[in-house]
Amino acid sequence: SSFELEKGNIIHDINKTKNTGEKIDYSQLNDYQTLRRAKIYIENSQFENAKAIFKNFLKKFPNSTFLPEVFFYLAETYYNTDNWKLAANSYLESFSLDPKGDFAPQALFGLAISLGALKQFDQACLTLEEVALRFPGQKMVTTENILETKKLLSCYQ
């Protein structure tokens, strides 16, 4: 398929930059192609490369319909590098841009975890409650995920 071919080319680019340190020019890509490329970097745990592409995306496509998704994945790059404050800000931005969108439950959940990591436990617990209240029955963040996180954050005391 064309996606597999594109993914193969991207993996080649990832290996090329890893081995030679050479920079790849992404300036010719549209917003959708840029987002797909950055997500493949995330899948390959290349968080710094993904973060750079997402930050560039925000400058290049400030009105893209993909912004909630971009902020969500940017937050994931911060999350995976323990940069909790920037993760929290990016999750909040993702949620705020589209509070009923596909990424909203995960963004709110990520915000709660980031707040917990920042030792803002009351806010983290309230945010977990919001996930349960706003998105009952959705499949992205399960009730079990919420309950386990509440337990970890000692939300019941």
Protein backbone atom coordinates (compact mmCIF):
# COMPACT_ATOMS: atom_id res chain seq x y z
CA SER A 1 0.00 0.00 0.00
CA SER A 2 1.08 3.61 -0.40
CA PHE A 3 1.08 4.06 3.39
CA GLU A 4 3.48 1.12 3.84
CA LEU A 5 5.70 2.56 1.11
CA GLU A 6 5.63 5.99 2.77
CA LYS A 7 6.29 4.41 6.19
CA GLY A 8 9.26 2.53 4.69
CA ASN A 9 10.65 5.81 3.30
CA ILE A 10 10.19 7.47 6.68
CA ILE A 11 11.92 4.59 8.50
CA HIS A 12 14.76 4.99 5.98
CA ASP A 13 14.91 8.72 6.82
CA ILE A 14 14.93 7.93 10.56
CA ASN A 15 17.81 5.50 10.14
CA LYS A 16 19.65 7.94 7.88
CA THR A 17 19.43 10.77 10.43
CA LYS A 18 20.34 8.40 13.27
CA ASN A 19 23.43 7.12 11.46
CA THR A 20 24.69 10.28 9.76
CA GLY A 21 23.14 13.11 11.77
CA GLU A 22 21.93 14.51 8.44
CA LYS A 23 18.87 16.77 8.54
CA ILE A 24 15.87 15.92 6.36
CA ASP A 25 13.92 18.73 4.64
CA TYR A 26 10.21 18.47 5.46
CA SER A 27 9.25 21.87 4.04
CA GLN A 28 7.47 20.39 1.02
CA LEU A 29 5.02 18.33 3.09
CA ASN A 30 1.43 19.40 3.73
CA ASP A 31 -0.07 19.35 7.24
CA TYR A 32 -1.39 15.77 6.94
CA GLN A 33 1.93 14.39 5.65
CA THR A 34 3.85 16.27 8.32
CA LEU A 35 1.60 14.89 11.06
CA ARG A 36 1.97 11.31 9.75
CA ARG A 37 5.74 11.66 9.61
CA ALA A 38 5.96 12.93 13.19
CA LYS A 39 3.69 10.13 14.44
CA ILE A 40 6.01 7.53 12.91
CA TYR A 41 8.89 9.14 14.81
CA ILE A 42 6.85 8.70 18.00
CA GLU A 43 6.15 5.04 17.15
CA ASN A 44 9.93 4.59 16.87
CA SER A 45 10.59 6.40 20.19
CA GLN A 46 12.35 9.25 18.35
CA PHE A 47 10.73 11.85 20.63
CA GLU A 48 13.16 14.71 19.98
CA ASN A 49 12.67 14.41 16.20
CA ALA A 50 8.90 14.20 16.61
CA LYS A 51 8.90 17.20 18.96
CA ALA A 52 10.87 19.28 16.44
CA ILE A 53 8.41 18.41 13.66
CA PHE A 54 5.38 19.20 15.85
CA LYS A 55 6.82 22.57 16.91
CA ASN A 56 7.53 23.39 13.27
CA PHE A 57 4.01 22.24 12.37
CA LEU A 58 2.55 24.80 14.81
CA LYS A 59 4.48 27.60 13.10
CA LYS A 60 3.82 26.43 9.57
CA PHE A 61 0.13 25.43 9.91
CA PRO A 62 -1.34 27.65 12.69
CA ASN A 63 -4.90 27.15 11.43
CA SER A 64 -4.78 23.43 10.64
CA THR A 65 -7.73 21.27 11.61
CA PHE A 66 -5.14 18.84 13.00
CA LEU A 67 -4.07 21.18 15.85
CA PRO A 68 -5.82 19.22 18.66
CA GLU A 69 -4.06 16.07 17.47
CA VAL A 70 -0.72 17.85 17.06
CA PHE A 71 -0.87 19.31 20.57
CA PHE A 72 -1.85 15.89 21.93
CA TYR A 73 1.14 14.19 20.31
CA LEU A 74 3.44 17.06 21.23
CA ALA A 75 2.29 16.50 24.82
CA GLU A 76 3.13 12.81 24.41
CA THR A 77 6.71 13.71 23.41
CA TYR A 78 7.02 15.82 26.58
CA TYR A 79 5.38 13.07 28.64
CA ASN A 80 7.86 10.49 27.34
CA THR A 81 10.79 12.74 28.27
CA ASP A 82 9.40 13.60 31.75
CA ASN A 83 8.85 17.26 30.90
CA TRP A 84 5.62 17.41 32.90
CA LYS A 85 4.94 21.15 32.77
CA LEU A 86 5.14 21.31 28.97
CA ALA A 87 3.19 18.05 28.73
CA ALA A 88 0.42 19.51 30.91
CA ASN A 89 0.32 22.72 28.83
CA SER A 90 0.13 20.80 25.55
CA TYR A 91 -2.53 18.36 26.79
CA LEU A 92 -4.58 21.32 27.99
CA GLU A 93 -4.18 23.07 24.63
CA SER A 94 -5.27 19.91 22.79
CA PHE A 95 -8.34 19.58 24.99
CA SER A 96 -9.21 23.30 24.84
CA LEU A 97 -9.09 23.40 21.04
CA ASP A 98 -11.65 20.61 20.70
CA PRO A 99 -13.25 19.64 24.06
CA LYS A 100 -15.56 17.11 22.40
CA GLY A 101 -13.07 15.83 19.84
CA ASP A 102 -11.41 12.47 19.35
CA PHE A 103 -8.35 13.39 21.42
CA ALA A 104 -10.22 15.14 24.25
CA PRO A 105 -10.55 12.17 26.66
CA GLN A 106 -6.90 11.19 26.28
CA ALA A 107 -5.75 14.81 26.51
CA LEU A 108 -7.67 15.35 29.74
CA PHE A 109 -6.33 12.08 31.13
CA GLY A 110 -2.78 13.04 30.14
CA LEU A 111 -3.31 16.41 31.80
CA ALA A 112 -4.36 14.65 35.02
CA ILE A 113 -1.26 12.44 35.01
CA SER A 114 1.01 15.41 34.26
CA LEU A 115 -0.56 17.41 37.11
CA GLY A 116 0.03 14.45 39.41
CA ALA A 117 3.68 14.30 38.33
CA LEU A 118 3.89 18.03 39.15
CA LYS A 119 2.51 17.17 42.63
CA GLN A 120 -0.68 19.14 41.98
CA PHE A 121 -2.72 16.27 43.36
CA ASP A 122 -6.02 18.08 43.99
CA GLN A 123 -6.10 19.39 40.42
CA ALA A 124 -5.06 15.97 39.08
CA CYS A 125 -7.89 14.23 40.96
CA LEU A 126 -10.45 16.83 39.82
CA THR A 127 -9.27 16.41 36.24
CA LEU A 128 -9.70 12.62 36.48
CA GLU A 129 -13.27 13.22 37.65
CA GLU A 130 -13.80 15.44 34.60
CA VAL A 131 -12.68 12.62 32.29
CA ALA A 132 -15.24 10.27 33.84
CA LEU A 133 -18.03 12.90 33.82
CA ARG A 134 -17.48 14.30 30.33
CA PHE A 135 -16.75 11.05 28.52
CA PRO A 136 -18.71 8.16 30.02
CA GLY A 137 -18.54 4.99 27.98
CA GLN A 138 -15.78 6.07 25.62
CA LYS A 139 -13.07 3.50 24.90
CA MET A 140 -9.88 5.60 24.83
CA VAL A 141 -9.55 5.99 28.61
CA THR A 142 -11.20 3.15 30.48
CA THR A 143 -12.85 3.35 33.89
CA GLU A 144 -10.09 1.02 35.05
CA ASN A 145 -7.44 3.51 33.84
CA ILE A 146 -9.16 6.27 35.78
CA LEU A 147 -9.57 4.18 38.96
CA GLU A 148 -5.94 2.97 38.88
CA THR A 149 -4.69 6.52 38.44
CA LYS A 150 -6.92 7.81 41.24
CA LYS A 151 -5.45 5.14 43.49
CA LEU A 152 -1.87 6.08 42.50
CA LEU A 153 -2.60 9.74 43.20
CA SER A 154 -4.41 8.95 46.50
CA CYS A 155 -7.54 10.70 45.31
CA TYR A 156 -9.74 8.93 47.86
CA GLN A 157 -8.32 10.47 51.02
